[in-house]
Amino acid sequence: MAEWSKAPDSSSGLRKGAWVRTPLLTSFRIYQ
């Protein structure tokens, strides 16, 4: 059960990272 409870946290963390990275990458490409 401990590993199962850790899975959602890691997945949500990756999703948050993707939400932050996507706009930055798109804006970076636009400026270049």
Protein backbone atom coordinates (compact mmCIF):
# COMPACT_ATOMS: atom_id res chain seq x y z
CA MET A 1 0.00 0.00 0.00
CA ALA A 2 2.91 2.37 0.73
CA GLU A 3 4.19 2.17 -2.85
CA TRP A 4 0.65 2.66 -4.20
CA SER A 5 0.23 5.86 -2.16
CA LYS A 6 3.53 7.20 -3.51
CA ALA A 7 2.54 6.64 -7.16
CA PRO A 8 -0.12 9.43 -7.34
CA ASP A 9 2.30 11.95 -5.82
CA SER A 10 5.02 11.22 -8.37
CA SER A 11 2.56 11.25 -11.29
CA SER A 12 1.02 14.54 -10.15
CA GLY A 13 4.51 16.00 -9.75
CA LEU A 14 5.38 14.99 -13.31
CA ARG A 15 2.12 16.51 -14.56
CA LYS A 16 2.85 19.79 -12.78
CA GLY A 17 6.35 19.80 -14.26
CA ALA A 18 4.91 19.24 -17.75
CA TRP A 19 2.43 22.11 -17.29
CA VAL A 20 5.33 24.40 -16.37
CA ARG A 21 7.70 23.14 -19.06
CA THR A 22 5.27 23.24 -22.01
CA PRO A 23 4.56 27.04 -21.89
CA LEU A 24 8.24 27.78 -21.34
CA LEU A 25 9.30 25.65 -24.32
CA THR A 26 6.64 27.15 -26.59
CA SER A 27 7.52 30.73 -25.62
CA PHE A 28 11.22 29.93 -26.04
CA ARG A 29 10.59 28.70 -29.60
CA ILE A 30 8.48 31.78 -30.43
CA TYR A 31 11.20 34.18 -29.25
CA GLN A 32 13.82 32.33 -31.29
